[in-house]
Amino acid sequence: MDNQRLNNKVKQRDFKLNALLEITNAINANLIVGNLLDQYERVLKEHLAIEKILLFTKEDSWKCILRFGVQKGEIKEIISDDFFTQNKEITLTAGRSKESFDLAIPIVQNGQTIAYVLAGDNSEQEIRMSPVIKHMRFIQTLTNILVVAIQNRQLQEESLRQERVKKELELAAEMQAILLPHHLPKNKDYEVSAFYKAHQQVGGDYYDFLELNENEVMFCMADVSGKGVSAAFLMANFQAYLRSIFAYNSGSLVNIVHELNGRVMQTALGEKYITLFLGVYNKSERSLRYVNCGHNPPILGDQNGYTQQLKLGTIGLGMFEELPKVVEGRVLLEPDSIIVCFTDGLVETENLNNEEYGAERLEKVLLAFFKDGISVINDTIMQSLNDFKGEAPYNDDLAILSCRFH
């Protein structure tokens, strides 16, 4: 009898060692989480005769990642941190029945409880030592190895995901740097300067300045709703299409805006929209034609101290398949007039008192430093903004395109 008992103990010990080895080998073989859980279930159910199990792991909240021997259906109780340590029989609703468990076995790693195993028997009337009680320590050890491996796998996957995101951001940032004009003109006809600051690594703001012919130039400022990679890719598509339109059509800005709206609808499928200020300046006539598509109105100032906001146009592109009435604005520019185009990241920046910088402060800076060089004016605007916001953070992409027309 003693020999038989000893042999059984040896067999059980060997089985447990082999089970631990199998789980470890499966982990080292990088099996997916589902396969690891299948192997774990087989050991408990077939070899240890455990009749029902719920395995919970802690993420943002407790989540059941394995169940067997329990009614199918949603586990209705909201599992809280103290649920497992209540000094009473552990009972919860699973499917249509109440399920009771003999033990809640904590799985502890570095002083933190990272999982709980709820284990129990279905044959409560049978007179025998419960396998749950008999194998509790082994269940705890096996589960610890499994859960730590799953957490490490999740950390590894998250690290790979973050690395992919990082590479996507780097690619988008490189693409965005290519899109923005590198050399803005400074000549007898006009002087142009720009500033750009992305809230994240990449953003959805875009500006451009393009000489259409010997007599006309196009300039624009645009802002995609949202931020990050998706906004940057939509803006890249928009920039390519905008330039292609002006390669064959520099006529009616109304028609161009309708074309751009159709393109944005095709690309963004109504999930994003673009605000745009689009202007064409004629040197010989000293005239500016423009359409403002829901964008922050640029500020036009002249040497007499007069300012106006360029508001005429329509709604943002991509909001509707067909734009409502589109109005093309026209204005004659006094010599040395300045137009400051910007995105909402400038005028909506707040200080610690939740006050916005606003267009009025921008106008005052423009008039106070009107005679300075255009790049100096942009630098002064940014200095004024930084002084205003103090320690408050930037909350959006920010772009400025300033043009002086001699």
Protein backbone atom coordinates (compact mmCIF):
# COMPACT_ATOMS: atom_id res chain seq x y z
CA MET A 1 0.00 0.00 0.00
CA ASP A 2 2.83 2.37 0.91
CA ASN A 3 4.66 1.46 -2.29
CA GLN A 4 1.54 2.12 -4.33
CA ARG A 5 1.07 5.50 -2.67
CA LEU A 6 4.73 6.34 -3.24
CA ASN A 7 4.49 5.35 -6.90
CA ASN A 8 1.42 7.53 -7.31
CA LYS A 9 3.23 10.48 -5.75
CA VAL A 10 6.22 9.95 -8.03
CA LYS A 11 3.96 9.73 -11.09
CA GLN A 12 2.11 12.86 -10.04
CA ARG A 13 5.36 14.71 -9.45
CA ASP A 14 6.70 13.63 -12.84
CA PHE A 15 3.47 14.66 -14.53
CA LYS A 16 3.58 18.11 -12.95
CA LEU A 17 7.19 18.60 -13.95
CA ASN A 18 6.37 17.53 -17.51
CA ALA A 19 3.34 19.84 -17.57
CA LEU A 20 5.49 22.77 -16.48
CA LEU A 21 8.09 21.83 -19.11
CA GLU A 22 5.44 21.63 -21.84
CA ILE A 23 4.02 25.04 -20.97
CA THR A 24 7.53 26.52 -20.83
CA ASN A 25 8.42 24.99 -24.22
CA ALA A 26 5.17 26.30 -25.70
CA ILE A 27 6.00 29.78 -24.39
CA ASN A 28 9.52 29.59 -25.81
CA ALA A 29 8.07 28.44 -29.15
CA ASN A 30 6.09 31.70 -29.28
CA LEU A 31 2.73 29.96 -29.54
CA ILE A 32 -0.18 32.35 -29.72
CA VAL A 33 -2.07 33.11 -26.52
CA GLY A 34 -5.04 30.96 -27.56
CA ASN A 35 -2.82 27.87 -27.92
CA LEU A 36 -1.20 28.50 -24.53
CA LEU A 37 -4.63 28.71 -22.89
CA ASP A 38 -5.73 25.49 -24.64
CA GLN A 39 -2.71 23.66 -23.27
CA TYR A 40 -3.27 25.06 -19.79
CA GLU A 41 -6.94 23.99 -19.89
CA ARG A 42 -6.01 20.47 -20.99
CA VAL A 43 -3.62 20.04 -18.06
CA LEU A 44 -6.19 21.19 -15.48
CA LYS A 45 -9.18 19.39 -16.94
CA GLU A 46 -7.78 16.10 -18.21
CA HIS A 47 -4.88 15.44 -15.89
CA LEU A 48 -5.85 17.15 -12.63
CA ALA A 49 -9.63 16.52 -12.90
CA ILE A 50 -10.48 20.16 -12.21
CA GLU A 51 -14.12 20.52 -13.21
CA LYS A 52 -14.59 24.25 -13.61
CA ILE A 53 -12.29 27.21 -13.93
CA LEU A 54 -12.49 30.94 -14.54
CA LEU A 55 -9.20 32.72 -15.11
CA PHE A 56 -9.18 36.51 -14.69
CA THR A 57 -6.30 38.80 -15.55
CA LYS A 58 -5.94 42.50 -14.71
CA GLU A 59 -5.72 45.02 -17.50
CA ASP A 60 -7.68 48.25 -17.08
CA SER A 61 -10.18 46.07 -15.26
CA TRP A 62 -10.54 42.37 -14.47
CA LYS A 63 -11.09 40.35 -17.63
CA CYS A 64 -12.00 36.66 -17.93
CA ILE A 65 -9.61 35.08 -20.45
CA LEU A 66 -10.47 31.39 -19.87
CA ARG A 67 -13.53 29.47 -18.73
CA PHE A 68 -14.53 25.83 -18.73
CA GLY A 69 -17.14 23.82 -16.83
CA VAL A 70 -19.20 27.02 -16.52
CA GLN A 71 -22.49 27.86 -18.19
CA LYS A 72 -22.13 29.69 -21.48
CA GLY A 73 -23.22 33.30 -21.56
CA GLU A 74 -22.12 36.62 -20.20
CA ILE A 75 -20.67 36.78 -16.69
CA LYS A 76 -23.00 39.41 -15.31
CA GLU A 77 -21.26 40.66 -12.20
CA ILE A 78 -18.91 43.60 -12.52
CA ILE A 79 -15.69 42.15 -11.13
CA SER A 80 -14.05 44.61 -8.75
CA ASP A 81 -10.72 44.46 -6.94
CA ASP A 82 -12.30 43.30 -3.68
CA PHE A 83 -14.62 40.73 -5.27
CA PHE A 84 -12.07 37.92 -5.00
CA THR A 85 -11.18 38.58 -1.35
CA GLN A 86 -14.68 38.65 0.14
CA ASN A 87 -14.99 36.32 3.14
CA LYS A 88 -17.86 34.29 1.79
CA GLU A 89 -18.57 31.65 -0.83
CA ILE A 90 -17.52 32.92 -4.23
CA THR A 91 -20.63 32.96 -6.39
CA LEU A 92 -21.40 34.75 -9.60
CA THR A 93 -23.93 34.54 -12.41
CA ALA A 94 -22.73 32.88 -15.59
CA GLY A 95 -25.30 32.40 -18.32
CA ARG A 96 -28.55 31.26 -16.71
CA SER A 97 -27.09 29.74 -13.55
CA LYS A 98 -25.34 30.69 -10.34
CA GLU A 99 -21.82 29.31 -10.27
CA SER A 100 -20.01 28.63 -6.99
CA PHE A 101 -16.28 28.12 -6.64
CA ASP A 102 -14.22 26.52 -3.89
CA LEU A 103 -11.21 28.82 -4.13
CA ALA A 104 -10.04 32.10 -5.54
CA ILE A 105 -6.32 31.54 -6.06
CA PRO A 106 -4.34 34.79 -6.37
CA ILE A 107 -1.44 35.01 -8.82
CA VAL A 108 1.13 37.50 -7.52
CA GLN A 109 4.04 39.04 -9.42
CA ASN A 110 6.42 41.59 -7.84
CA GLY A 111 4.02 42.16 -4.98
CA GLN A 112 1.07 42.84 -7.32
CA THR A 113 -1.89 40.51 -7.87
CA ILE A 114 -1.97 40.06 -11.63
CA ALA A 115 -4.54 37.26 -11.93
CA TYR A 116 -7.09 35.16 -10.08
CA VAL A 117 -8.12 31.57 -10.73
CA LEU A 118 -11.64 30.67 -9.59
CA ALA A 119 -11.71 26.87 -9.31
CA GLY A 120 -14.40 24.50 -8.16
CA ASP A 121 -16.13 21.10 -8.39
CA ASN A 122 -19.46 20.26 -9.93
CA SER A 123 -19.86 17.05 -7.88
CA GLU A 124 -20.36 18.64 -4.47
CA GLN A 125 -21.96 15.52 -2.93
CA GLU A 126 -19.03 13.23 -3.69
CA ILE A 127 -16.95 12.34 -0.61
CA ARG A 128 -13.35 12.94 -1.63
CA MET A 129 -10.64 15.56 -1.39
CA SER A 130 -11.35 18.22 -3.97
CA PRO A 131 -8.75 18.29 -6.76
CA VAL A 132 -8.84 22.06 -6.38
CA ILE A 133 -7.59 21.80 -2.79
CA LYS A 134 -5.23 18.95 -3.57
CA HIS A 135 -3.49 20.70 -6.47
CA MET A 136 -3.87 24.32 -5.39
CA ARG A 137 -0.13 25.05 -5.22
CA PHE A 138 0.52 23.51 -8.60
CA ILE A 139 -2.40 25.40 -10.16
CA GLN A 140 -0.95 28.60 -8.71
CA THR A 141 2.54 27.88 -10.08
CA LEU A 142 1.30 26.83 -13.52
CA THR A 143 -1.00 29.84 -13.77
CA ASN A 144 1.77 32.20 -12.69
CA ILE A 145 4.01 30.97 -15.52
CA LEU A 146 1.17 31.23 -18.01
CA VAL A 147 -0.06 34.71 -17.04
CA VAL A 148 3.42 36.24 -16.86
CA ALA A 149 4.13 34.81 -20.32
CA ILE A 150 0.88 36.29 -21.68
CA GLN A 151 1.67 39.68 -20.16
CA ASN A 152 5.19 39.58 -21.60
CA ARG A 153 3.72 38.66 -24.99
CA GLN A 154 1.31 41.60 -24.77
CA LEU A 155 4.14 43.94 -23.79
CA GLN A 156 6.17 42.68 -26.73
CA GLU A 157 3.24 43.16 -29.12
CA GLU A 158 2.64 46.66 -27.75
CA SER A 159 6.32 47.48 -28.19
CA LEU A 160 6.16 46.29 -31.81
CA ARG A 161 2.97 48.28 -32.36
CA GLN A 162 4.59 51.42 -30.97
CA GLU A 163 7.63 50.84 -33.17
CA ARG A 164 5.37 50.58 -36.23
CA VAL A 165 3.56 53.76 -35.21
CA LYS A 166 6.91 55.50 -34.71
CA LYS A 167 8.04 54.52 -38.21
CA GLU A 168 4.70 55.66 -39.66
CA LEU A 169 5.10 59.00 -37.91
CA GLU A 170 8.66 59.38 -39.16
CA LEU A 171 7.51 58.61 -42.71
CA ALA A 172 4.59 61.03 -42.43
CA ALA A 173 6.86 63.73 -40.99
CA GLU A 174 9.32 63.28 -43.87
CA MET A 175 6.47 63.41 -46.36
CA GLN A 176 5.06 66.54 -44.76
CA ALA A 177 8.45 68.24 -44.80
CA ILE A 178 8.65 67.55 -48.55
CA LEU A 179 5.17 68.98 -49.18
CA LEU A 180 5.77 72.34 -47.53
CA PRO A 181 7.64 74.81 -49.78
CA HIS A 182 11.32 75.07 -48.82
CA HIS A 183 12.23 78.28 -50.61
CA LEU A 184 9.72 81.11 -50.35
CA PRO A 185 10.33 84.10 -52.66
CA LYS A 186 11.73 87.48 -51.72
CA ASN A 187 11.91 89.82 -54.71
CA LYS A 188 10.72 93.19 -56.03
CA ASP A 189 7.12 91.96 -56.30
CA TYR A 190 6.55 90.08 -53.05
CA GLU A 191 8.21 88.79 -49.90
CA VAL A 192 6.93 85.59 -48.27
CA SER A 193 7.72 83.87 -44.96
CA ALA A 194 6.16 80.95 -43.12
CA PHE A 195 6.20 79.19 -39.75
CA TYR A 196 4.94 75.69 -38.93
CA LYS A 197 4.67 73.79 -35.65
CA ALA A 198 2.98 70.38 -35.43
CA HIS A 199 1.21 69.55 -32.18
CA GLN A 200 2.30 65.94 -32.57
CA GLN A 201 5.16 64.64 -34.70
CA VAL A 202 3.02 65.29 -37.76
CA GLY A 203 -0.02 67.46 -38.28
CA GLY A 204 -2.81 68.43 -40.61
CA ASP A 205 -1.89 72.05 -41.38
CA TYR A 206 -0.66 72.96 -44.85
CA TYR A 207 0.40 76.10 -46.67
CA ASP A 208 1.72 76.73 -50.17
CA PHE A 209 2.93 79.52 -52.46
CA LEU A 210 3.12 78.82 -56.18
CA GLU A 211 4.01 81.01 -59.16
CA LEU A 212 1.39 80.19 -61.80
CA ASN A 213 2.78 82.33 -64.61
CA GLU A 214 4.72 85.57 -65.11
CA ASN A 215 1.85 87.61 -63.73
CA GLU A 216 0.02 85.47 -61.14
CA VAL A 217 0.82 83.63 -57.93
CA MET A 218 -1.32 81.27 -55.87
CA PHE A 219 -1.07 80.98 -52.11
CA CYS A 220 -3.13 79.02 -49.64
CA MET A 221 -3.51 77.92 -46.04
CA ALA A 222 -5.40 74.75 -45.09
CA ASP A 223 -6.23 72.70 -42.01
CA VAL A 224 -7.50 69.10 -41.86
CA SER A 225 -9.89 68.23 -39.05
CA GLY A 226 -8.04 66.05 -36.55
CA LYS A 227 -4.33 65.50 -36.10
CA GLY A 228 -1.63 62.89 -36.64
CA VAL A 229 -0.89 60.49 -39.47
CA SER A 230 -4.36 60.28 -41.03
CA ALA A 231 -4.59 64.08 -41.22
CA ALA A 232 -1.11 64.28 -42.75
CA PHE A 233 -1.91 61.70 -45.45
CA LEU A 234 -5.17 63.42 -46.35
CA MET A 235 -3.33 66.71 -46.63
CA ALA A 236 -0.68 65.12 -48.86
CA ASN A 237 -3.38 63.93 -51.22
CA PHE A 238 -5.03 67.34 -51.15
CA GLN A 239 -1.77 69.18 -51.90
CA ALA A 240 -1.07 67.00 -54.93
CA TYR A 241 -4.55 67.55 -56.31
CA LEU A 242 -4.52 71.29 -55.65
CA ARG A 243 -1.26 71.74 -57.54
CA SER A 244 -2.45 69.54 -60.40
CA ILE A 245 -5.59 71.68 -60.82
CA PHE A 246 -3.56 74.88 -61.08
CA ALA A 247 -1.31 73.23 -63.66
CA TYR A 248 -4.20 73.40 -66.16
CA ASN A 249 -6.75 75.79 -64.63
CA SER A 250 -6.04 79.16 -63.04
CA GLY A 251 -9.43 80.60 -63.95
CA SER A 252 -12.52 80.64 -61.75
CA LEU A 253 -11.69 79.93 -58.11
CA VAL A 254 -15.33 78.93 -57.62
CA ASN A 255 -14.95 76.05 -60.09
CA ILE A 256 -11.62 75.05 -58.52
CA VAL A 257 -13.16 74.94 -55.05
CA HIS A 258 -16.00 72.71 -56.30
CA GLU A 259 -13.41 70.34 -57.80
CA LEU A 260 -11.44 70.29 -54.56
CA ASN A 261 -14.58 69.54 -52.56
CA GLY A 262 -15.34 66.52 -54.74
CA ARG A 263 -11.81 65.24 -54.28
CA VAL A 264 -11.91 65.60 -50.49
CA MET A 265 -15.27 63.77 -50.38
CA GLN A 266 -13.81 60.92 -52.45
CA THR A 267 -10.73 60.63 -50.27
CA ALA A 268 -12.09 61.22 -46.76
CA LEU A 269 -15.56 59.65 -47.31
CA GLY A 270 -17.14 62.28 -45.11
CA GLU A 271 -15.05 61.34 -42.05
CA LYS A 272 -12.80 64.40 -42.23
CA TYR A 273 -13.01 67.84 -43.76
CA ILE A 274 -10.56 70.56 -44.75
CA THR A 275 -10.79 74.28 -44.16
CA LEU A 276 -8.98 76.29 -46.83
CA PHE A 277 -8.08 79.84 -47.73
CA LEU A 278 -7.16 80.05 -51.41
CA GLY A 279 -5.90 83.25 -53.04
CA VAL A 280 -4.57 84.28 -56.47
CA TYR A 281 -2.68 87.58 -56.75
CA ASN A 282 -2.30 89.40 -60.06
CA LYS A 283 0.84 91.57 -60.12
CA SER A 284 -0.09 93.87 -62.98
CA GLU A 285 -3.56 94.61 -61.63
CA ARG A 286 -2.50 94.50 -57.96
CA SER A 287 -5.68 92.48 -57.42
CA LEU A 288 -6.39 89.53 -55.17
CA ARG A 289 -9.06 86.94 -55.92
CA TYR A 290 -9.83 84.57 -53.04
CA VAL A 291 -12.24 82.01 -51.61
CA ASN A 292 -12.37 81.22 -47.89
CA CYS A 293 -13.69 77.69 -47.30
CA GLY A 294 -14.55 77.80 -43.60
CA HIS A 295 -11.03 78.82 -42.63
CA ASN A 296 -9.86 81.41 -40.11
CA PRO A 297 -10.02 84.68 -42.11
CA PRO A 298 -6.53 85.95 -43.04
CA ILE A 299 -5.76 89.51 -41.98
CA LEU A 300 -4.99 92.06 -44.69
CA GLY A 301 -3.19 95.20 -43.49
CA ASP A 302 -1.77 98.21 -45.30
CA GLN A 303 0.68 100.99 -44.48
CA ASN A 304 -2.17 103.37 -43.58
CA GLY A 305 -3.04 101.22 -40.55
CA TYR A 306 -6.17 99.77 -42.16
CA THR A 307 -6.95 96.05 -41.65
CA GLN A 308 -9.68 93.73 -42.85
CA GLN A 309 -10.46 90.03 -42.59
CA LEU A 310 -10.85 88.01 -45.80
CA LYS A 311 -14.05 86.09 -45.06
CA LEU A 312 -15.95 85.58 -48.32
CA GLY A 313 -16.30 82.01 -49.61
CA THR A 314 -18.18 78.94 -48.43
CA ILE A 315 -18.09 76.10 -45.87
CA GLY A 316 -15.25 73.64 -45.32
CA LEU A 317 -14.38 71.11 -48.03
CA GLY A 318 -15.66 67.57 -47.53
CA MET A 319 -18.59 68.51 -45.30
CA PHE A 320 -21.18 68.00 -48.06
CA GLU A 321 -21.09 66.35 -51.47
CA GLU A 322 -22.28 69.60 -53.03
CA LEU A 323 -21.15 72.93 -51.62
CA PRO A 324 -23.79 75.59 -51.05
CA LYS A 325 -23.24 78.98 -52.67
CA VAL A 326 -19.54 79.78 -53.21
CA VAL A 327 -18.54 83.46 -53.26
CA GLU A 328 -15.27 84.63 -54.77
CA GLY A 329 -13.87 87.68 -52.99
CA ARG A 330 -11.95 90.40 -54.83
CA VAL A 331 -9.81 93.17 -53.36
CA LEU A 332 -7.24 95.65 -54.69
CA LEU A 333 -4.02 95.78 -52.67
CA GLU A 334 -2.27 98.99 -51.67
CA PRO A 335 1.52 99.02 -52.16
CA ASP A 336 3.35 97.06 -49.45
CA SER A 337 0.13 95.43 -48.20
CA ILE A 338 0.60 92.40 -45.96
CA ILE A 339 -1.63 89.32 -45.73
CA VAL A 340 -1.18 87.04 -42.72
CA CYS A 341 -2.73 83.58 -43.18
CA PHE A 342 -2.87 81.27 -40.18
CA THR A 343 -4.59 78.22 -38.71
CA ASP A 344 -6.72 78.07 -35.58
CA GLY A 345 -3.75 76.76 -33.60
CA LEU A 346 -2.56 80.39 -33.48
CA VAL A 347 -5.63 82.38 -32.47
CA GLU A 348 -7.17 79.62 -30.30
CA THR A 349 -4.07 79.05 -28.16
CA GLU A 350 -5.03 79.72 -24.54
CA ASN A 351 -3.14 81.05 -21.54
CA LEU A 352 -3.41 79.69 -18.00
CA ASN A 353 -6.60 81.73 -17.50
CA ASN A 354 -8.26 79.92 -20.43
CA GLU A 355 -8.22 83.12 -22.53
CA GLU A 356 -7.62 82.77 -26.29
CA TYR A 357 -4.90 84.71 -28.09
CA GLY A 358 -7.43 85.85 -30.68
CA ALA A 359 -7.29 87.70 -34.00
CA GLU A 360 -7.34 91.14 -32.34
CA ARG A 361 -3.92 90.60 -30.72
CA LEU A 362 -2.61 89.35 -34.04
CA GLU A 363 -3.80 92.52 -35.81
CA LYS A 364 -2.09 94.71 -33.21
CA VAL A 365 1.23 92.91 -33.69
CA LEU A 366 0.93 93.23 -37.47
CA LEU A 367 0.32 96.97 -37.32
CA ALA A 368 2.96 97.62 -34.63
CA PHE A 369 5.69 95.89 -36.64
CA PHE A 370 4.32 96.56 -40.13
CA LYS A 371 7.54 98.14 -41.48
CA ASP A 372 9.78 95.26 -40.41
CA GLY A 373 10.77 92.38 -42.69
CA ILE A 374 8.12 89.72 -43.18
CA SER A 375 10.14 87.02 -41.41
CA VAL A 376 10.67 89.40 -38.47
CA ILE A 377 6.91 89.92 -38.30
CA ASN A 378 6.35 86.15 -38.11
CA ASP A 379 8.98 85.83 -35.38
CA THR A 380 7.35 88.69 -33.47
CA ILE A 381 3.93 87.03 -33.75
CA MET A 382 5.32 83.83 -32.26
CA GLN A 383 7.11 85.75 -29.50
CA SER A 384 3.86 87.54 -28.70
CA LEU A 385 2.01 84.21 -28.62
CA ASN A 386 4.56 82.59 -26.31
CA ASP A 387 4.50 85.58 -23.96
CA PHE A 388 0.70 85.40 -23.91
CA LYS A 389 0.32 81.67 -23.23
CA GLY A 390 3.13 81.48 -20.66
CA GLU A 391 3.41 77.94 -19.28
CA ALA A 392 0.19 76.75 -20.95
CA PRO A 393 0.74 74.04 -23.59
CA TYR A 394 0.06 74.17 -27.31
CA ASN A 395 -3.09 72.16 -28.06
CA ASP A 396 -3.13 72.15 -31.85
CA ASP A 397 -1.02 72.36 -34.98
CA LEU A 398 0.02 75.92 -35.81
CA ALA A 399 0.92 77.48 -39.15
CA ILE A 400 1.51 81.04 -40.37
CA LEU A 401 2.04 82.22 -43.96
CA SER A 402 2.73 85.94 -44.31
CA CYS A 403 3.03 87.73 -47.66
CA ARG A 404 4.02 91.32 -48.39
CA PHE A 405 3.04 92.53 -51.83
CA HIS A 406 5.24 95.49 -52.85
